[in-house]
Amino acid sequence: MADEAMDVNISNNSSELRSMRCEQCLLNKSDGSASFSQGDTQVIAAAYGPAEVRLSREIIDKATLEVVLRPKVGVPGNKS
């Protein structure tokens, strides 16, 4: 897949347009990656795999998808 970037304008109301940007293939060591940004918010997603499932999480007749969320700054955890 080629490196691509796309800008999209999204309207919240008739007088305000917010720009959204998408890019693909950002990370070198992943099987796929993308970046989505709008205003001051940016999300980077990556896919790695396939990999062996941990025995404690294996379900023989179902597929397994593990999702790991990491903040850019700070320690991952629950907000109180």
PDB file of N, CA and C in Angstrom:
ATOM      1  N   MET A   1       0.835  -1.165   0.000  1.00  0.00           N
ATOM      2  CA  MET A   1       0.000   0.000   0.000  1.00  0.00           C
ATOM      3  C   MET A   1       0.887   1.237   0.000  1.00  0.00           C
ATOM      4  N   ALA A   2       0.634   2.167  -0.843  1.00  0.00           N
ATOM      5  CA  ALA A   2       1.451   3.368  -0.965  1.00  0.00           C
ATOM      6  C   ALA A   2       1.171   4.340   0.174  1.00  0.00           C
ATOM      7  N   ASP A   3       2.181   5.150   0.515  1.00  0.00           N
ATOM      8  CA  ASP A   3       1.981   6.199   1.502  1.00  0.00           C
ATOM      9  C   ASP A   3       1.004   7.212   0.935  1.00  0.00           C
ATOM     10  N   GLU A   4      -0.043   7.486   1.691  1.00  0.00           N
ATOM     11  CA  GLU A   4      -1.045   8.421   1.232  1.00  0.00           C
ATOM     12  C   GLU A   4      -1.489   9.289   2.388  1.00  0.00           C
ATOM     13  N   ALA A   5      -1.913  10.501   2.107  1.00  0.00           N
ATOM     14  CA  ALA A   5      -2.507  11.383   3.098  1.00  0.00           C
ATOM     15  C   ALA A   5      -3.772  11.959   2.500  1.00  0.00           C
ATOM     16  N   MET A   6      -4.783  12.161   3.347  1.00  0.00           N
ATOM     17  CA  MET A   6      -6.051  12.671   2.858  1.00  0.00           C
ATOM     18  C   MET A   6      -6.571  13.698   3.852  1.00  0.00           C
ATOM     19  N   ASP A   7      -7.016  14.838   3.365  1.00  0.00           N
ATOM     20  CA  ASP A   7      -7.626  15.870   4.186  1.00  0.00           C
ATOM     21  C   ASP A   7      -9.116  15.910   3.882  1.00  0.00           C
ATOM     22  N   VAL A   8      -9.943  15.958   4.943  1.00  0.00           N
ATOM     23  CA  VAL A   8     -11.390  16.005   4.797  1.00  0.00           C
ATOM     24  C   VAL A   8     -11.913  17.123   5.684  1.00  0.00           C
ATOM     25  N   ASN A   9     -12.808  17.925   5.187  1.00  0.00           N
ATOM     26  CA  ASN A   9     -13.442  18.956   5.998  1.00  0.00           C
ATOM     27  C   ASN A   9     -14.784  18.450   6.494  1.00  0.00           C
ATOM     28  N   ILE A  10     -15.008  18.540   7.809  1.00  0.00           N
ATOM     29  CA  ILE A  10     -16.243  18.080   8.433  1.00  0.00           C
ATOM     30  C   ILE A  10     -16.940  19.292   9.033  1.00  0.00           C
ATOM     31  N   SER A  11     -18.213  19.449   8.762  1.00  0.00           N
ATOM     32  CA  SER A  11     -18.951  20.615   9.241  1.00  0.00           C
ATOM     33  C   SER A  11     -19.727  20.264  10.499  1.00  0.00           C
ATOM     34  N   ASN A  12     -19.461  20.987  11.610  1.00  0.00           N
ATOM     35  CA  ASN A  12     -20.254  20.845  12.834  1.00  0.00           C
ATOM     36  C   ASN A  12     -21.548  21.631  12.713  1.00  0.00           C
ATOM     37  N   ASN A  13     -21.479  22.791  12.148  1.00  0.00           N
ATOM     38  CA  ASN A  13     -22.648  23.594  11.841  1.00  0.00           C
ATOM     39  C   ASN A  13     -22.339  24.378  10.578  1.00  0.00           C
ATOM     40  N   SER A  14     -23.267  25.179  10.121  1.00  0.00           N
ATOM     41  CA  SER A  14     -23.101  25.828   8.821  1.00  0.00           C
ATOM     42  C   SER A  14     -21.955  26.828   8.784  1.00  0.00           C
ATOM     43  N   SER A  15     -21.479  27.337   9.946  1.00  0.00           N
ATOM     44  CA  SER A  15     -20.434  28.362   9.922  1.00  0.00           C
ATOM     45  C   SER A  15     -19.060  27.848  10.352  1.00  0.00           C
ATOM     46  N   GLU A  16     -18.939  26.587  10.717  1.00  0.00           N
ATOM     47  CA  GLU A  16     -17.663  26.074  11.229  1.00  0.00           C
ATOM     48  C   GLU A  16     -17.238  24.813  10.485  1.00  0.00           C
ATOM     49  N   LEU A  17     -16.025  24.810   9.961  1.00  0.00           N
ATOM     50  CA  LEU A  17     -15.450  23.621   9.319  1.00  0.00           C
ATOM     51  C   LEU A  17     -14.234  23.179  10.111  1.00  0.00           C
ATOM     52  N   ARG A  18     -14.161  21.887  10.410  1.00  0.00           N
ATOM     53  CA  ARG A  18     -12.994  21.342  11.095  1.00  0.00           C
ATOM     54  C   ARG A  18     -12.293  20.388  10.143  1.00  0.00           C
ATOM     55  N   SER A  19     -11.005  20.530  10.046  1.00  0.00           N
ATOM     56  CA  SER A  19     -10.222  19.721   9.124  1.00  0.00           C
ATOM     57  C   SER A  19      -9.835  18.395   9.772  1.00  0.00           C
ATOM     58  N   MET A  20      -9.894  17.317   9.003  1.00  0.00           N
ATOM     59  CA  MET A  20      -9.477  16.000   9.469  1.00  0.00           C
ATOM     60  C   MET A  20      -8.395  15.506   8.525  1.00  0.00           C
ATOM     61  N   ARG A  21      -7.333  14.909   9.069  1.00  0.00           N
ATOM     62  CA  ARG A  21      -6.231  14.414   8.252  1.00  0.00           C
ATOM     63  C   ARG A  21      -6.017  12.934   8.546  1.00  0.00           C
ATOM     64  N   CYS A  22      -5.796  12.156   7.492  1.00  0.00           N
ATOM     65  CA  CYS A  22      -5.525  10.714   7.598  1.00  0.00           C
ATOM     66  C   CYS A  22      -4.256  10.397   6.822  1.00  0.00           C
ATOM     67  N   GLU A  23      -3.386   9.568   7.424  1.00  0.00           N
ATOM     68  CA  GLU A  23      -2.175   9.106   6.739  1.00  0.00           C
ATOM     69  C   GLU A  23      -2.028   7.611   6.962  1.00  0.00           C
ATOM     70  N   GLN A  24      -1.446   6.931   5.977  1.00  0.00           N
ATOM     71  CA  GLN A  24      -1.209   5.486   6.070  1.00  0.00           C
ATOM     72  C   GLN A  24       0.280   5.190   6.065  1.00  0.00           C
ATOM     73  N   CYS A  25       0.634   3.995   6.554  1.00  0.00           N
ATOM     74  CA  CYS A  25       2.003   3.473   6.500  1.00  0.00           C
ATOM     75  C   CYS A  25       3.005   4.383   7.208  1.00  0.00           C
ATOM     76  N   LEU A  26       2.730   4.757   8.444  1.00  0.00           N
ATOM     77  CA  LEU A  26       3.607   5.641   9.198  1.00  0.00           C
ATOM     78  C   LEU A  26       4.728   4.905   9.921  1.00  0.00           C
ATOM     79  N   LEU A  27       4.450   3.707  10.400  1.00  0.00           N
ATOM     80  CA  LEU A  27       5.405   2.969  11.226  1.00  0.00           C
ATOM     81  C   LEU A  27       6.091   1.884  10.406  1.00  0.00           C
ATOM     82  N   ASN A  28       7.414   1.787  10.526  1.00  0.00           N
ATOM     83  CA  ASN A  28       8.196   0.853   9.708  1.00  0.00           C
ATOM     84  C   ASN A  28       8.054  -0.601  10.122  1.00  0.00           C
ATOM     85  N   LYS A  29       7.944  -0.890  11.414  1.00  0.00           N
ATOM     86  CA  LYS A  29       7.974  -2.275  11.879  1.00  0.00           C
ATOM     87  C   LYS A  29       6.593  -2.903  12.050  1.00  0.00           C
ATOM     88  N   SER A  30       5.533  -2.209  11.670  1.00  0.00           N
ATOM     89  CA  SER A  30       4.188  -2.768  11.795  1.00  0.00           C
ATOM     90  C   SER A  30       3.748  -3.371  10.459  1.00  0.00           C
ATOM     91  N   ASP A  31       2.718  -4.220  10.522  1.00  0.00           N
ATOM     92  CA  ASP A  31       2.149  -4.783   9.298  1.00  0.00           C
ATOM     93  C   ASP A  31       1.211  -3.783   8.627  1.00  0.00           C
ATOM     94  N   GLY A  32       0.767  -2.796   9.353  1.00  0.00           N
ATOM     95  CA  GLY A  32      -0.080  -1.730   8.828  1.00  0.00           C
ATOM     96  C   GLY A  32      -0.211  -0.656   9.884  1.00  0.00           C
ATOM     97  N   SER A  33      -0.304   0.605   9.469  1.00  0.00           N
ATOM     98  CA  SER A  33      -0.469   1.688  10.441  1.00  0.00           C
ATOM     99  C   SER A  33      -1.177   2.860   9.787  1.00  0.00           C
ATOM    100  N   ALA A  34      -1.823   3.678  10.614  1.00  0.00           N
ATOM    101  CA  ALA A  34      -2.528   4.856  10.125  1.00  0.00           C
ATOM    102  C   ALA A  34      -2.571   5.898  11.229  1.00  0.00           C
ATOM    103  N   SER A  35      -2.686   7.149  10.816  1.00  0.00           N
ATOM    104  CA  SER A  35      -2.816   8.272  11.735  1.00  0.00           C
ATOM    105  C   SER A  35      -4.070   9.043  11.363  1.00  0.00           C
ATOM    106  N   PHE A  36      -4.863   9.405  12.359  1.00  0.00           N
ATOM    107  CA  PHE A  36      -6.059  10.210  12.175  1.00  0.00           C
ATOM    108  C   PHE A  36      -5.939  11.414  13.086  1.00  0.00           C
ATOM    109  N   SER A  37      -6.113  12.628  12.561  1.00  0.00           N
ATOM    110  CA  SER A  37      -6.040  13.810  13.413  1.00  0.00           C
ATOM    111  C   SER A  37      -7.141  14.787  13.042  1.00  0.00           C
ATOM    112  N   GLN A  38      -7.627  15.478  14.076  1.00  0.00           N
ATOM    113  CA  GLN A  38      -8.638  16.509  13.906  1.00  0.00           C
ATOM    114  C   GLN A  38      -8.405  17.534  15.006  1.00  0.00           C
ATOM    115  N   GLY A  39      -8.055  18.748  14.633  1.00  0.00           N
ATOM    116  CA  GLY A  39      -7.736  19.765  15.631  1.00  0.00           C
ATOM    117  C   GLY A  39      -6.503  19.361  16.413  1.00  0.00           C
ATOM    118  N   ASP A  40      -6.582  19.412  17.752  1.00  0.00           N
ATOM    119  CA  ASP A  40      -5.458  19.044  18.621  1.00  0.00           C
ATOM    120  C   ASP A  40      -5.434  17.563  18.973  1.00  0.00           C
ATOM    121  N   THR A  41      -6.362  16.781  18.451  1.00  0.00           N
ATOM    122  CA  THR A  41      -6.458  15.354  18.779  1.00  0.00           C
ATOM    123  C   THR A  41      -5.851  14.523  17.660  1.00  0.00           C
ATOM    124  N   GLN A  42      -4.952  13.591  18.044  1.00  0.00           N
ATOM    125  CA  GLN A  42      -4.339  12.702  17.060  1.00  0.00           C
ATOM    126  C   GLN A  42      -4.324  11.280  17.605  1.00  0.00           C
ATOM    127  N   VAL A  43      -4.642  10.316  16.742  1.00  0.00           N
ATOM    128  CA  VAL A  43      -4.627   8.896  17.097  1.00  0.00           C
ATOM    129  C   VAL A  43      -3.766   8.178  16.075  1.00  0.00           C
ATOM    130  N   ILE A  44      -2.863   7.329  16.565  1.00  0.00           N
ATOM    131  CA  ILE A  44      -2.061   6.484  15.689  1.00  0.00           C
ATOM    132  C   ILE A  44      -2.430   5.038  16.005  1.00  0.00           C
ATOM    133  N   ALA A  45      -2.737   4.268  14.968  1.00  0.00           N
ATOM    134  CA  ALA A  45      -3.099   2.860  15.138  1.00  0.00           C
ATOM    135  C   ALA A  45      -2.149   2.005  14.311  1.00  0.00           C
ATOM    136  N   ALA A  46      -1.795   0.829  14.850  1.00  0.00           N
ATOM    137  CA  ALA A  46      -0.905  -0.091  14.142  1.00  0.00           C
ATOM    138  C   ALA A  46      -1.408  -1.513  14.308  1.00  0.00           C
ATOM    139  N   ALA A  47      -1.144  -2.338  13.305  1.00  0.00           N
ATOM    140  CA  ALA A  47      -1.513  -3.755  13.352  1.00  0.00           C
ATOM    141  C   ALA A  47      -0.247  -4.593  13.233  1.00  0.00           C
ATOM    142  N   TYR A  48      -0.129  -5.572  14.099  1.00  0.00           N
ATOM    143  CA  TYR A  48       1.001  -6.505  14.102  1.00  0.00           C
ATOM    144  C   TYR A  48       0.426  -7.919  14.113  1.00  0.00           C
ATOM    145  N   GLY A  49       0.991  -8.808  13.323  1.00  0.00           N
ATOM    146  CA  GLY A  49       0.496 -10.166  13.424  1.00  0.00           C
ATOM    147  C   GLY A  49       0.636 -10.920  12.120  1.00  0.00           C
ATOM    148  N   PRO A  50       0.230 -12.144  12.084  1.00  0.00           N
ATOM    149  CA  PRO A  50      -0.363 -12.895  13.194  1.00  0.00           C
ATOM    150  C   PRO A  50       0.684 -13.301  14.228  1.00  0.00           C
ATOM    151  N   ALA A  51       0.208 -13.598  15.419  1.00  0.00           N
ATOM    152  CA  ALA A  51       1.079 -14.027  16.512  1.00  0.00           C
ATOM    153  C   ALA A  51       0.402 -15.167  17.266  1.00  0.00           C
ATOM    154  N   GLU A  52       1.195 -15.901  17.993  1.00  0.00           N
ATOM    155  CA  GLU A  52       0.648 -16.992  18.799  1.00  0.00           C
ATOM    156  C   GLU A  52      -0.187 -16.420  19.950  1.00  0.00           C
ATOM    157  N   VAL A  53      -1.322 -17.052  20.216  1.00  0.00           N
ATOM    158  CA  VAL A  53      -2.200 -16.641  21.311  1.00  0.00           C
ATOM    159  C   VAL A  53      -1.661 -17.222  22.611  1.00  0.00           C
ATOM    160  N   ARG A  54      -1.696 -16.421  23.663  1.00  0.00           N
ATOM    161  CA  ARG A  54      -1.294 -16.941  24.979  1.00  0.00           C
ATOM    162  C   ARG A  54      -2.246 -18.061  25.385  1.00  0.00           C
ATOM    163  N   LEU A  55      -1.723 -19.134  25.934  1.00  0.00           N
ATOM    164  CA  LEU A  55      -2.535 -20.292  26.303  1.00  0.00           C
ATOM    165  C   LEU A  55      -3.675 -19.922  27.238  1.00  0.00           C
ATOM    166  N   SER A  56      -3.451 -18.958  28.134  1.00  0.00           N
ATOM    167  CA  SER A  56      -4.501 -18.581  29.084  1.00  0.00           C
ATOM    168  C   SER A  56      -5.672 -17.879  28.388  1.00  0.00           C
ATOM    169  N   ARG A  57      -5.473 -17.382  27.177  1.00  0.00           N
ATOM    170  CA  ARG A  57      -6.535 -16.674  26.457  1.00  0.00           C
ATOM    171  C   ARG A  57      -7.045 -17.444  25.242  1.00  0.00           C
ATOM    172  N   GLU A  58      -6.535 -18.628  25.020  1.00  0.00           N
ATOM    173  CA  GLU A  58      -6.901 -19.387  23.827  1.00  0.00           C
ATOM    174  C   GLU A  58      -8.303 -19.967  23.935  1.00  0.00           C
ATOM    175  N   ILE A  59      -9.096 -19.755  22.889  1.00  0.00           N
ATOM    176  CA  ILE A  59     -10.402 -20.390  22.735  1.00  0.00           C
ATOM    177  C   ILE A  59     -10.343 -21.090  21.376  1.00  0.00           C
ATOM    178  N   ILE A  60     -10.395 -22.393  21.391  1.00  0.00           N
ATOM    179  CA  ILE A  60     -10.102 -23.209  20.210  1.00  0.00           C
ATOM    180  C   ILE A  60     -10.974 -22.857  19.005  1.00  0.00           C
ATOM    181  N   ASP A  61     -12.277 -22.621  19.200  1.00  0.00           N
ATOM    182  CA  ASP A  61     -13.173 -22.416  18.066  1.00  0.00           C
ATOM    183  C   ASP A  61     -13.453 -20.939  17.747  1.00  0.00           C
ATOM    184  N   LYS A  62     -12.639 -20.010  18.290  1.00  0.00           N
ATOM    185  CA  LYS A  62     -12.850 -18.584  18.031  1.00  0.00           C
ATOM    186  C   LYS A  62     -11.529 -17.878  17.752  1.00  0.00           C
ATOM    187  N   ALA A  63     -11.604 -16.815  16.985  1.00  0.00           N
ATOM    188  CA  ALA A  63     -10.424 -15.984  16.727  1.00  0.00           C
ATOM    189  C   ALA A  63     -10.193 -15.069  17.921  1.00  0.00           C
ATOM    190  N   THR A  64      -8.964 -14.644  18.107  1.00  0.00           N
ATOM    191  CA  THR A  64      -8.624 -13.755  19.217  1.00  0.00           C
ATOM    192  C   THR A  64      -7.992 -12.493  18.674  1.00  0.00           C
ATOM    193  N   LEU A  65      -8.426 -11.350  19.178  1.00  0.00           N
ATOM    194  CA  LEU A  65      -7.861 -10.059  18.826  1.00  0.00           C
ATOM    195  C   LEU A  65      -7.489  -9.350  20.121  1.00  0.00           C
ATOM    196  N   GLU A  66      -6.227  -9.005  20.264  1.00  0.00           N
ATOM    197  CA  GLU A  66      -5.774  -8.294  21.457  1.00  0.00           C
ATOM    198  C   GLU A  66      -5.560  -6.833  21.106  1.00  0.00           C
ATOM    199  N   VAL A  67      -6.175  -5.945  21.878  1.00  0.00           N
ATOM    200  CA  VAL A  67      -6.064  -4.505  21.659  1.00  0.00           C
ATOM    201  C   VAL A  67      -5.304  -3.904  22.832  1.00  0.00           C
ATOM    202  N   VAL A  68      -4.236  -3.172  22.536  1.00  0.00           N
ATOM    203  CA  VAL A  68      -3.423  -2.528  23.571  1.00  0.00           C
ATOM    204  C   VAL A  68      -3.519  -1.023  23.355  1.00  0.00           C
ATOM    205  N   LEU A  69      -3.963  -0.304  24.374  1.00  0.00           N
ATOM    206  CA  LEU A  69      -4.078   1.150  24.305  1.00  0.00           C
ATOM    207  C   LEU A  69      -2.986   1.774  25.152  1.00  0.00           C
ATOM    208  N   ARG A  70      -2.240   2.714  24.564  1.00  0.00           N
ATOM    209  CA  ARG A  70      -1.169   3.392  25.287  1.00  0.00           C
ATOM    210  C   ARG A  70      -1.292   4.888  25.068  1.00  0.00           C
ATOM    211  N   PRO A  71      -1.331   5.686  26.132  1.00  0.00           N
ATOM    212  CA  PRO A  71      -1.364   7.142  25.956  1.00  0.00           C
ATOM    213  C   PRO A  71       0.009   7.649  25.530  1.00  0.00           C
ATOM    214  N   LYS A  72       0.031   8.769  24.834  1.00  0.00           N
ATOM    215  CA  LYS A  72       1.297   9.366  24.415  1.00  0.00           C
ATOM    216  C   LYS A  72       2.099   9.828  25.622  1.00  0.00           C
ATOM    217  N   VAL A  73       1.405  10.338  26.633  1.00  0.00           N
ATOM    218  CA  VAL A  73       2.044  10.871  27.838  1.00  0.00           C
ATOM    219  C   VAL A  73       1.379  10.255  29.053  1.00  0.00           C
ATOM    220  N   GLY A  74       2.164   9.912  30.070  1.00  0.00           N
ATOM    221  CA  GLY A  74       1.596   9.387  31.315  1.00  0.00           C
ATOM    222  C   GLY A  74       1.567   7.885  31.351  1.00  0.00           C
ATOM    223  N   VAL A  75       0.922   7.382  32.380  1.00  0.00           N
ATOM    224  CA  VAL A  75       0.839   5.942  32.615  1.00  0.00           C
ATOM    225  C   VAL A  75      -0.556   5.469  32.251  1.00  0.00           C
ATOM    226  N   PRO A  76      -0.690   4.339  31.509  1.00  0.00           N
ATOM    227  CA  PRO A  76      -2.016   3.819  31.202  1.00  0.00           C
ATOM    228  C   PRO A  76      -2.753   3.450  32.474  1.00  0.00           C
ATOM    229  N   GLY A  77      -4.046   3.625  32.465  1.00  0.00           N
ATOM    230  CA  GLY A  77      -4.843   3.255  33.639  1.00  0.00           C
ATOM    231  C   GLY A  77      -6.254   3.807  33.533  1.00  0.00           C
ATOM    232  N   ASN A  78      -7.024   3.566  34.588  1.00  0.00           N
ATOM    233  CA  ASN A  78      -8.403   4.046  34.626  1.00  0.00           C
ATOM    234  C   ASN A  78      -8.473   5.409  35.271  1.00  0.00           C
ATOM    235  N   LYS A  79      -9.378   6.256  34.754  1.00  0.00           N
ATOM    236  CA  LYS A  79      -9.625   7.542  35.386  1.00  0.00           C
ATOM    237  C   LYS A  79     -10.624   7.346  36.507  1.00  0.00           C
ATOM    238  N   SER A  80     -10.393   8.003  37.617  1.00  0.00           N
ATOM    239  CA  SER A  80     -11.328   7.887  38.756  1.00  0.00           C
ATOM    240  C   SER A  80     -12.335   8.996  38.718  1.00  0.00           C
TER     241      SER A  80
END
